Each structure stands twice: as C-alpha cells, then as structure tokens.
Amino acid sequence: MTHEEKFGSMRPVCPQCGWIHFQDPKVAAAVLIEDGSRVLLVRRVNEPFRGMWTLPAGFVNGGENPAEAAARECLEETGLSTRVTRVFDIISGREHERGADFIIVYLAEVIGGVMSPADDADAVEWFERENLPPLAFRATQQVLQK
C-alpha cells in the first residue's frame, strides 16, 4: 500500500491494481425518551466515560435500519421496548478513537418491557432535566440542552 492524494485526501492505494481505500464512517443511533420533564439515561460500564450517563445508544450494524438499531440498543441496555417516532437530531464529529462519526438521535416512546440495566449499562434511571448526572459524550450534552 502506498498513500496518494486522491479525491482531496491522502488515501491508501494499491500500487499494483490502483484500488483506493475509502474509510467508511461509523454510525451510531440513540433514543431520547422523555416523560414530562424527565429523560431516560443509562450509566456506562465501559470506557470511555465509564460511570457517566448517556442516552441509550449504540452502533448501527451494516444493513440495519438506524431507527431499528436505536430501538434495539435501548432494549438491550434498558429492558424497555420503544417506538421510534421521528429523527430528533444528527450529530457529527468523532469524540474518541472508537467512537461514531455520526449519531442519529431519535425521539421514542416506551411501549413495554421492564426497566432493568443490561449489556453495556449498569444502571438505568429517569432524571429531571434540571438535575442531570455527569454526562458522557458531547453529543449527549448537546441533545439534552435543546
């Protein structure tokens, strides 16, 4: 592999066949669930930001509908089934080495389940917007300021 200026950036290029590597962005999906003045958050068990709180979220798998990914991640982390109602925001900018380049945040409502933390969350709680815990991620902070 060599690196050459291609399409406005330095990119890896195969010197024998000319194949150009384009890095695909990583996409995550999150849900914003509100109950009056309260929002549902999960506490992270993994780095980065272990022990801090965030929206239920995770990566979108290849070929997966992002809204379905958001609902899946919420179920995995909170035990709650949700109905996604609409896109709330799309936030760009990778915050850390293993992070997403784009986060699609959906508004959602709880339609069933029993609230119980699992997967990469060790707590799930409702918080008043005026009394939020320490928040992980700039994207979470940005969403909750709106």
N, C-alpha and C. Protein backbone atom coordinates (compact mmCIF):
# COMPACT_ATOMS: atom_id res chain seq x y z
N MET A 1 0.84 -1.19 0.00
CA MET A 1 0.00 0.00 0.00
C MET A 1 0.88 1.24 0.00
N THR A 2 0.49 2.16 -0.80
CA THR A 2 1.11 3.49 -0.78
C THR A 2 0.03 4.48 -0.38
N HIS A 3 0.42 5.67 -0.08
CA HIS A 3 -0.54 6.74 0.22
C HIS A 3 -0.38 7.82 -0.84
N GLU A 4 -1.51 8.16 -1.45
CA GLU A 4 -1.50 9.15 -2.51
C GLU A 4 -2.65 10.13 -2.31
N GLU A 5 -2.46 11.32 -2.87
CA GLU A 5 -3.53 12.32 -2.87
C GLU A 5 -4.58 11.87 -3.88
N LYS A 6 -5.76 11.51 -3.37
CA LYS A 6 -6.87 11.06 -4.22
C LYS A 6 -8.16 11.66 -3.70
N PHE A 7 -8.90 12.29 -4.57
CA PHE A 7 -10.21 12.85 -4.23
C PHE A 7 -10.15 13.78 -3.01
N GLY A 8 -9.09 14.58 -2.95
CA GLY A 8 -8.99 15.62 -1.94
C GLY A 8 -8.39 15.20 -0.61
N SER A 9 -7.92 13.93 -0.49
CA SER A 9 -7.31 13.47 0.76
C SER A 9 -6.21 12.47 0.46
N MET A 10 -5.32 12.30 1.44
CA MET A 10 -4.33 11.22 1.33
C MET A 10 -5.04 9.92 1.64
N ARG A 11 -4.95 8.97 0.70
CA ARG A 11 -5.64 7.69 0.87
C ARG A 11 -4.70 6.54 0.54
N PRO A 12 -4.91 5.39 1.23
CA PRO A 12 -4.14 4.20 0.86
C PRO A 12 -4.53 3.73 -0.55
N VAL A 13 -3.52 3.43 -1.37
CA VAL A 13 -3.73 2.99 -2.74
C VAL A 13 -2.87 1.76 -2.99
N CYS A 14 -3.45 0.76 -3.62
CA CYS A 14 -2.68 -0.42 -4.01
C CYS A 14 -1.82 -0.06 -5.21
N PRO A 15 -0.49 -0.21 -5.10
CA PRO A 15 0.39 0.19 -6.21
C PRO A 15 0.26 -0.73 -7.42
N GLN A 16 -0.28 -1.93 -7.24
CA GLN A 16 -0.36 -2.87 -8.36
C GLN A 16 -1.66 -2.74 -9.15
N CYS A 17 -2.79 -2.61 -8.44
CA CYS A 17 -4.07 -2.57 -9.16
C CYS A 17 -4.74 -1.20 -9.15
N GLY A 18 -4.23 -0.27 -8.32
CA GLY A 18 -4.80 1.07 -8.27
C GLY A 18 -6.02 1.22 -7.38
N TRP A 19 -6.39 0.15 -6.64
CA TRP A 19 -7.55 0.21 -5.75
C TRP A 19 -7.31 1.27 -4.69
N ILE A 20 -8.32 2.09 -4.46
CA ILE A 20 -8.25 3.19 -3.48
C ILE A 20 -9.11 2.82 -2.28
N HIS A 21 -8.56 2.92 -1.08
CA HIS A 21 -9.33 2.64 0.14
C HIS A 21 -10.00 3.91 0.63
N PHE A 22 -11.33 3.86 0.75
CA PHE A 22 -12.11 4.93 1.35
C PHE A 22 -12.62 4.44 2.69
N GLN A 23 -12.29 5.14 3.77
CA GLN A 23 -12.76 4.73 5.09
C GLN A 23 -14.22 5.10 5.25
N ASP A 24 -15.05 4.09 5.55
CA ASP A 24 -16.47 4.34 5.77
C ASP A 24 -16.69 4.89 7.17
N PRO A 25 -17.64 5.83 7.31
CA PRO A 25 -17.90 6.38 8.64
C PRO A 25 -18.63 5.37 9.51
N LYS A 26 -18.39 5.47 10.81
CA LYS A 26 -19.12 4.66 11.79
C LYS A 26 -20.35 5.46 12.20
N VAL A 27 -21.49 4.78 12.26
CA VAL A 27 -22.75 5.43 12.58
C VAL A 27 -23.33 4.80 13.84
N ALA A 28 -23.79 5.64 14.75
CA ALA A 28 -24.47 5.18 15.96
C ALA A 28 -25.89 5.75 15.94
N ALA A 29 -26.75 5.11 16.71
CA ALA A 29 -28.13 5.58 16.83
C ALA A 29 -28.50 5.60 18.31
N ALA A 30 -29.26 6.61 18.70
CA ALA A 30 -29.64 6.79 20.10
C ALA A 30 -31.13 7.12 20.17
N VAL A 31 -31.69 6.92 21.37
CA VAL A 31 -33.07 7.34 21.60
C VAL A 31 -33.10 8.37 22.72
N LEU A 32 -33.94 9.37 22.52
CA LEU A 32 -34.26 10.35 23.55
C LEU A 32 -35.69 10.04 23.97
N ILE A 33 -35.82 9.57 25.21
CA ILE A 33 -37.14 9.22 25.74
C ILE A 33 -37.44 10.19 26.87
N GLU A 34 -38.55 10.90 26.75
CA GLU A 34 -38.93 11.89 27.75
C GLU A 34 -40.24 11.50 28.40
N ASP A 35 -40.36 11.85 29.65
CA ASP A 35 -41.60 11.67 30.41
C ASP A 35 -41.80 12.96 31.18
N GLY A 36 -42.56 13.87 30.58
CA GLY A 36 -42.69 15.20 31.17
C GLY A 36 -41.35 15.89 31.14
N SER A 37 -40.84 16.28 32.30
CA SER A 37 -39.55 16.96 32.38
C SER A 37 -38.40 15.98 32.64
N ARG A 38 -38.70 14.69 32.62
CA ARG A 38 -37.67 13.68 32.88
C ARG A 38 -37.17 13.06 31.58
N VAL A 39 -35.89 12.62 31.60
CA VAL A 39 -35.29 11.91 30.48
C VAL A 39 -34.70 10.60 30.99
N LEU A 40 -34.72 9.59 30.14
CA LEU A 40 -34.18 8.28 30.48
C LEU A 40 -32.71 8.20 30.08
N LEU A 41 -31.85 7.85 31.04
CA LEU A 41 -30.42 7.74 30.78
C LEU A 41 -29.89 6.40 31.30
N VAL A 42 -28.76 5.98 30.73
CA VAL A 42 -28.08 4.78 31.20
C VAL A 42 -26.67 5.15 31.65
N ARG A 43 -26.15 4.39 32.62
CA ARG A 43 -24.78 4.61 33.10
C ARG A 43 -23.85 3.62 32.42
N ARG A 44 -22.78 4.13 31.86
CA ARG A 44 -21.83 3.32 31.08
C ARG A 44 -20.95 2.45 31.98
N VAL A 45 -20.72 1.21 31.53
CA VAL A 45 -19.79 0.33 32.23
C VAL A 45 -18.44 0.25 31.52
N ASN A 46 -18.36 0.79 30.31
CA ASN A 46 -17.14 0.71 29.53
C ASN A 46 -16.52 2.09 29.34
N GLU A 47 -15.21 2.08 29.10
CA GLU A 47 -14.52 3.29 28.70
C GLU A 47 -14.82 3.56 27.23
N PRO A 48 -14.81 4.77 26.79
CA PRO A 48 -14.54 5.95 27.60
C PRO A 48 -15.77 6.37 28.40
N PHE A 49 -15.54 7.18 29.37
CA PHE A 49 -16.59 7.77 30.20
C PHE A 49 -17.30 6.74 31.09
N ARG A 50 -16.59 5.73 31.52
CA ARG A 50 -17.17 4.75 32.43
C ARG A 50 -17.72 5.44 33.67
N GLY A 51 -18.94 5.04 34.07
CA GLY A 51 -19.57 5.61 35.25
C GLY A 51 -20.35 6.89 34.97
N MET A 52 -20.29 7.38 33.74
CA MET A 52 -21.04 8.57 33.39
C MET A 52 -22.31 8.15 32.65
N TRP A 53 -23.21 9.08 32.47
CA TRP A 53 -24.55 8.80 31.96
C TRP A 53 -24.71 9.28 30.52
N THR A 54 -25.53 8.55 29.77
CA THR A 54 -25.76 8.87 28.37
C THR A 54 -27.13 8.38 27.92
N LEU A 55 -27.51 8.78 26.74
CA LEU A 55 -28.73 8.25 26.14
C LEU A 55 -28.50 6.78 25.77
N PRO A 56 -29.54 5.96 25.80
CA PRO A 56 -29.39 4.60 25.28
C PRO A 56 -28.99 4.69 23.81
N ALA A 57 -27.89 4.03 23.45
CA ALA A 57 -27.36 4.18 22.10
C ALA A 57 -26.36 3.08 21.79
N GLY A 58 -26.05 2.96 20.52
CA GLY A 58 -25.02 2.03 20.08
C GLY A 58 -24.83 2.11 18.59
N PHE A 59 -23.91 1.29 18.09
CA PHE A 59 -23.59 1.32 16.67
C PHE A 59 -24.68 0.68 15.82
N VAL A 60 -24.82 1.19 14.62
CA VAL A 60 -25.72 0.63 13.62
C VAL A 60 -24.93 -0.44 12.88
N ASN A 61 -25.48 -1.64 12.79
CA ASN A 61 -24.84 -2.72 12.04
C ASN A 61 -25.02 -2.50 10.55
N GLY A 62 -24.10 -3.03 9.74
CA GLY A 62 -24.22 -2.94 8.29
C GLY A 62 -25.57 -3.50 7.84
N GLY A 63 -26.29 -2.77 7.02
CA GLY A 63 -27.56 -3.22 6.50
C GLY A 63 -28.74 -3.02 7.45
N GLU A 64 -28.48 -2.51 8.65
CA GLU A 64 -29.54 -2.33 9.65
C GLU A 64 -30.16 -0.94 9.51
N ASN A 65 -31.47 -0.87 9.65
CA ASN A 65 -32.17 0.40 9.67
C ASN A 65 -31.76 1.14 10.94
N PRO A 66 -31.30 2.39 10.85
CA PRO A 66 -30.84 3.10 12.05
C PRO A 66 -31.91 3.25 13.13
N ALA A 67 -33.16 3.45 12.75
CA ALA A 67 -34.23 3.57 13.75
C ALA A 67 -34.40 2.25 14.49
N GLU A 68 -34.31 1.13 13.77
CA GLU A 68 -34.40 -0.18 14.41
C GLU A 68 -33.19 -0.43 15.30
N ALA A 69 -32.03 0.06 14.88
CA ALA A 69 -30.82 -0.07 15.71
C ALA A 69 -30.99 0.70 17.01
N ALA A 70 -31.56 1.89 16.95
CA ALA A 70 -31.78 2.70 18.16
C ALA A 70 -32.72 1.96 19.12
N ALA A 71 -33.81 1.41 18.60
CA ALA A 71 -34.76 0.68 19.44
C ALA A 71 -34.11 -0.59 20.00
N ARG A 72 -33.30 -1.28 19.19
CA ARG A 72 -32.60 -2.48 19.66
C ARG A 72 -31.64 -2.15 20.79
N GLU A 73 -30.85 -1.10 20.60
CA GLU A 73 -29.89 -0.72 21.64
C GLU A 73 -30.61 -0.34 22.93
N CYS A 74 -31.72 0.36 22.82
CA CYS A 74 -32.48 0.74 24.01
C CYS A 74 -32.97 -0.51 24.74
N LEU A 75 -33.51 -1.46 24.01
CA LEU A 75 -33.98 -2.70 24.62
C LEU A 75 -32.83 -3.43 25.30
N GLU A 76 -31.68 -3.53 24.63
CA GLU A 76 -30.53 -4.22 25.19
C GLU A 76 -30.03 -3.56 26.47
N GLU A 77 -30.03 -2.23 26.52
CA GLU A 77 -29.45 -1.51 27.65
C GLU A 77 -30.43 -1.23 28.78
N THR A 78 -31.73 -1.16 28.47
CA THR A 78 -32.71 -0.74 29.49
C THR A 78 -33.80 -1.77 29.79
N GLY A 79 -33.97 -2.76 28.91
CA GLY A 79 -35.08 -3.71 29.06
C GLY A 79 -36.40 -3.16 28.56
N LEU A 80 -36.40 -1.95 28.01
CA LEU A 80 -37.64 -1.31 27.56
C LEU A 80 -37.78 -1.37 26.05
N SER A 81 -38.95 -1.76 25.59
CA SER A 81 -39.29 -1.71 24.17
C SER A 81 -39.78 -0.30 23.85
N THR A 82 -39.38 0.19 22.71
CA THR A 82 -39.75 1.56 22.33
C THR A 82 -40.30 1.61 20.93
N ARG A 83 -41.01 2.69 20.66
CA ARG A 83 -41.45 3.02 19.31
C ARG A 83 -40.76 4.33 18.96
N VAL A 84 -39.97 4.29 17.92
CA VAL A 84 -39.31 5.50 17.42
C VAL A 84 -40.35 6.33 16.71
N THR A 85 -40.39 7.62 17.04
CA THR A 85 -41.41 8.48 16.44
C THR A 85 -40.87 9.41 15.34
N ARG A 86 -39.63 9.89 15.52
CA ARG A 86 -39.04 10.75 14.48
C ARG A 86 -37.58 11.01 14.80
N VAL A 87 -36.87 11.51 13.79
CA VAL A 87 -35.49 11.94 13.99
C VAL A 87 -35.51 13.23 14.79
N PHE A 88 -34.68 13.29 15.83
CA PHE A 88 -34.55 14.49 16.65
C PHE A 88 -33.37 15.34 16.20
N ASP A 89 -32.23 14.66 15.92
CA ASP A 89 -31.02 15.38 15.54
C ASP A 89 -30.03 14.39 14.94
N ILE A 90 -29.12 14.91 14.15
CA ILE A 90 -27.98 14.14 13.65
C ILE A 90 -26.75 14.93 14.04
N ILE A 91 -25.86 14.28 14.78
CA ILE A 91 -24.69 14.97 15.32
C ILE A 91 -23.45 14.34 14.70
N SER A 92 -22.57 15.18 14.17
CA SER A 92 -21.35 14.67 13.55
C SER A 92 -20.14 15.02 14.40
N GLY A 93 -19.10 14.24 14.20
CA GLY A 93 -17.84 14.51 14.88
C GLY A 93 -17.45 13.40 15.82
N ARG A 94 -16.43 12.66 15.47
CA ARG A 94 -15.95 11.56 16.30
C ARG A 94 -15.32 12.13 17.57
N GLU A 95 -15.79 11.65 18.73
CA GLU A 95 -15.32 12.18 20.01
C GLU A 95 -14.14 11.41 20.58
N HIS A 96 -13.96 10.18 20.14
CA HIS A 96 -12.84 9.37 20.62
C HIS A 96 -12.52 8.33 19.57
N GLU A 97 -11.38 7.68 19.72
CA GLU A 97 -10.83 6.77 18.72
C GLU A 97 -11.81 5.69 18.26
N ARG A 98 -12.59 5.12 19.16
CA ARG A 98 -13.50 4.02 18.82
C ARG A 98 -14.93 4.51 18.61
N GLY A 99 -15.12 5.82 18.58
CA GLY A 99 -16.47 6.38 18.52
C GLY A 99 -17.06 6.46 17.13
N ALA A 100 -18.28 6.93 17.09
CA ALA A 100 -19.02 7.09 15.84
C ALA A 100 -18.70 8.44 15.20
N ASP A 101 -18.79 8.47 13.90
CA ASP A 101 -18.64 9.72 13.16
C ASP A 101 -19.95 10.48 13.09
N PHE A 102 -21.06 9.74 13.11
CA PHE A 102 -22.40 10.33 13.10
C PHE A 102 -23.27 9.62 14.13
N ILE A 103 -24.05 10.39 14.86
CA ILE A 103 -25.01 9.83 15.80
C ILE A 103 -26.39 10.35 15.40
N ILE A 104 -27.26 9.41 15.07
CA ILE A 104 -28.63 9.76 14.73
C ILE A 104 -29.45 9.60 16.00
N VAL A 105 -30.03 10.69 16.47
CA VAL A 105 -30.82 10.66 17.71
C VAL A 105 -32.30 10.70 17.33
N TYR A 106 -33.03 9.72 17.83
CA TYR A 106 -34.46 9.61 17.56
C TYR A 106 -35.26 9.93 18.82
N LEU A 107 -36.40 10.57 18.66
CA LEU A 107 -37.37 10.63 19.75
C LEU A 107 -38.08 9.29 19.77
N ALA A 108 -38.35 8.78 20.96
CA ALA A 108 -39.01 7.48 21.09
C ALA A 108 -39.89 7.49 22.32
N GLU A 109 -40.82 6.54 22.34
CA GLU A 109 -41.70 6.37 23.50
C GLU A 109 -41.67 4.92 23.94
N VAL A 110 -41.79 4.70 25.23
CA VAL A 110 -41.78 3.35 25.79
C VAL A 110 -43.13 2.69 25.48
N ILE A 111 -43.07 1.44 24.98
CA ILE A 111 -44.31 0.71 24.69
C ILE A 111 -44.40 -0.61 25.47
N GLY A 112 -43.35 -0.94 26.25
CA GLY A 112 -43.40 -2.17 27.04
C GLY A 112 -42.07 -2.48 27.67
N GLY A 113 -42.03 -3.62 28.34
CA GLY A 113 -40.80 -4.08 28.97
C GLY A 113 -40.73 -3.72 30.44
N VAL A 114 -39.67 -4.19 31.06
CA VAL A 114 -39.39 -3.92 32.47
C VAL A 114 -38.02 -3.25 32.54
N MET A 115 -37.96 -2.07 33.14
CA MET A 115 -36.72 -1.31 33.19
C MET A 115 -35.69 -2.06 34.02
N SER A 116 -34.58 -2.44 33.35
CA SER A 116 -33.51 -3.18 34.00
C SER A 116 -32.24 -3.00 33.18
N PRO A 117 -31.14 -2.55 33.80
CA PRO A 117 -29.92 -2.32 33.03
C PRO A 117 -29.30 -3.64 32.57
N ALA A 118 -28.70 -3.61 31.40
CA ALA A 118 -28.01 -4.78 30.86
C ALA A 118 -27.03 -4.32 29.78
N ASP A 119 -26.39 -5.29 29.16
CA ASP A 119 -25.44 -5.06 28.08
C ASP A 119 -24.30 -4.18 28.58
N ASP A 120 -24.12 -2.99 28.04
CA ASP A 120 -23.01 -2.14 28.49
C ASP A 120 -23.47 -1.00 29.39
N ALA A 121 -24.59 -1.23 30.08
CA ALA A 121 -25.08 -0.27 31.08
C ALA A 121 -25.27 -0.99 32.40
N ASP A 122 -24.87 -0.34 33.51
CA ASP A 122 -25.07 -0.96 34.82
C ASP A 122 -26.16 -0.27 35.64
N ALA A 123 -26.77 0.77 35.05
CA ALA A 123 -27.89 1.45 35.71
C ALA A 123 -28.71 2.14 34.64
N VAL A 124 -30.00 2.22 34.88
CA VAL A 124 -30.91 2.96 34.01
C VAL A 124 -31.87 3.73 34.92
N GLU A 125 -32.00 5.03 34.68
CA GLU A 125 -32.83 5.85 35.57
C GLU A 125 -33.44 7.02 34.80
N TRP A 126 -34.54 7.51 35.36
CA TRP A 126 -35.14 8.76 34.89
C TRP A 126 -34.53 9.91 35.68
N PHE A 127 -34.20 10.99 34.97
CA PHE A 127 -33.64 12.18 35.61
C PHE A 127 -34.42 13.41 35.18
N GLU A 128 -34.65 14.29 36.14
CA GLU A 128 -35.21 15.60 35.83
C GLU A 128 -34.16 16.37 35.04
N ARG A 129 -34.59 17.10 34.03
CA ARG A 129 -33.64 17.87 33.22
C ARG A 129 -32.85 18.88 34.04
N GLU A 130 -33.45 19.37 35.14
CA GLU A 130 -32.75 20.35 35.98
C GLU A 130 -31.76 19.68 36.94
N ASN A 131 -31.74 18.36 36.98
CA ASN A 131 -30.89 17.65 37.93
C ASN A 131 -30.23 16.45 37.25
N LEU A 132 -29.49 16.72 36.17
CA LEU A 132 -28.85 15.65 35.41
C LEU A 132 -27.56 15.20 36.08
N PRO A 133 -27.23 13.92 35.95
CA PRO A 133 -25.96 13.41 36.49
C PRO A 133 -24.81 13.80 35.56
N PRO A 134 -23.57 13.42 35.89
CA PRO A 134 -22.44 13.69 34.99
C PRO A 134 -22.67 12.97 33.66
N LEU A 135 -22.63 13.73 32.57
CA LEU A 135 -22.97 13.20 31.25
C LEU A 135 -21.73 12.84 30.45
N ALA A 136 -21.78 11.67 29.83
CA ALA A 136 -20.75 11.24 28.89
C ALA A 136 -21.08 11.86 27.53
N PHE A 137 -20.09 12.12 26.75
CA PHE A 137 -20.22 12.50 25.36
C PHE A 137 -20.81 13.90 25.14
N ARG A 138 -20.15 14.62 24.28
CA ARG A 138 -20.61 15.93 23.84
C ARG A 138 -21.98 15.82 23.18
N ALA A 139 -22.20 14.73 22.43
CA ALA A 139 -23.49 14.56 21.75
C ALA A 139 -24.64 14.47 22.75
N THR A 140 -24.46 13.73 23.83
CA THR A 140 -25.50 13.63 24.86
C THR A 140 -25.76 15.00 25.47
N GLN A 141 -24.69 15.72 25.78
CA GLN A 141 -24.84 17.05 26.35
C GLN A 141 -25.59 17.97 25.39
N GLN A 142 -25.25 17.90 24.12
CA GLN A 142 -25.89 18.75 23.11
C GLN A 142 -27.38 18.44 23.00
N VAL A 143 -27.73 17.18 22.98
CA VAL A 143 -29.14 16.78 22.87
C VAL A 143 -29.94 17.25 24.07
N LEU A 144 -29.38 17.12 25.25
CA LEU A 144 -30.13 17.45 26.46
C LEU A 144 -30.18 18.96 26.73
N GLN A 145 -29.43 19.75 25.98
CA GLN A 145 -29.51 21.19 26.10
C GLN A 145 -30.62 21.78 25.24
N LYS A 146 -31.17 20.99 24.34
CA LYS A 146 -32.22 21.50 23.42
C LYS A 146 -33.56 21.54 24.09
